[in-house]
Amino acid sequence: MAKEKRDKRAKNLNSTQEVLYQKEFKMADQAYNQFTKKENRS
């Protein structure tokens, strides 16, 4: 039941929250990619 509530909440994000979430994810993804590229060089 707890999982169902979480899924409903995720589906009910408004457009502003959706955009902020995507921006945050994109920034984190870029930072991760930069970090892993640096790690692979050494």
Protein backbone atom coordinates (compact mmCIF):
# COMPACT_ATOMS: atom_id res chain seq x y z
CA MET A 1 0.00 0.00 0.00
CA ALA A 2 2.81 2.42 0.78
CA LYS A 3 4.29 1.84 -2.66
CA GLU A 4 0.95 2.66 -4.33
CA LYS A 5 0.80 5.99 -2.49
CA ARG A 6 4.34 6.81 -3.56
CA ASP A 7 3.52 6.00 -7.20
CA LYS A 8 0.41 8.19 -7.10
CA ARG A 9 2.39 11.07 -5.61
CA ALA A 10 5.02 10.74 -8.36
CA LYS A 11 2.33 10.81 -11.05
CA ASN A 12 0.71 13.87 -9.50
CA LEU A 13 3.77 16.15 -9.74
CA ASN A 14 2.81 19.50 -11.19
CA SER A 15 4.71 20.87 -14.18
CA THR A 16 6.99 23.09 -12.06
CA GLN A 17 8.05 20.19 -9.85
CA GLU A 18 8.53 18.04 -12.96
CA VAL A 19 10.86 20.62 -14.56
CA LEU A 20 12.86 21.14 -11.36
CA TYR A 21 13.18 17.38 -10.91
CA GLN A 22 14.43 16.97 -14.49
CA LYS A 23 16.93 19.84 -14.10
CA GLU A 24 18.25 18.38 -10.85
CA PHE A 25 18.58 14.93 -12.40
CA LYS A 26 20.37 16.35 -15.45
CA MET A 27 22.86 18.27 -13.29
CA ALA A 28 23.53 15.20 -11.16
CA ASP A 29 23.95 13.07 -14.27
CA GLN A 30 26.47 15.52 -15.78
CA ALA A 31 28.43 15.68 -12.53
CA TYR A 32 28.48 11.88 -12.38
CA ASN A 33 29.69 11.64 -15.98
CA GLN A 34 32.48 14.16 -15.33
CA PHE A 35 33.55 12.28 -12.22
CA THR A 36 33.59 8.90 -13.93
CA LYS A 37 35.56 10.31 -16.90
CA LYS A 38 38.19 11.71 -14.53
CA GLU A 39 38.35 8.37 -12.71
CA ASN A 40 38.85 6.45 -15.95
CA ARG A 41 41.83 8.59 -17.01
CA SER A 42 43.90 7.96 -13.89
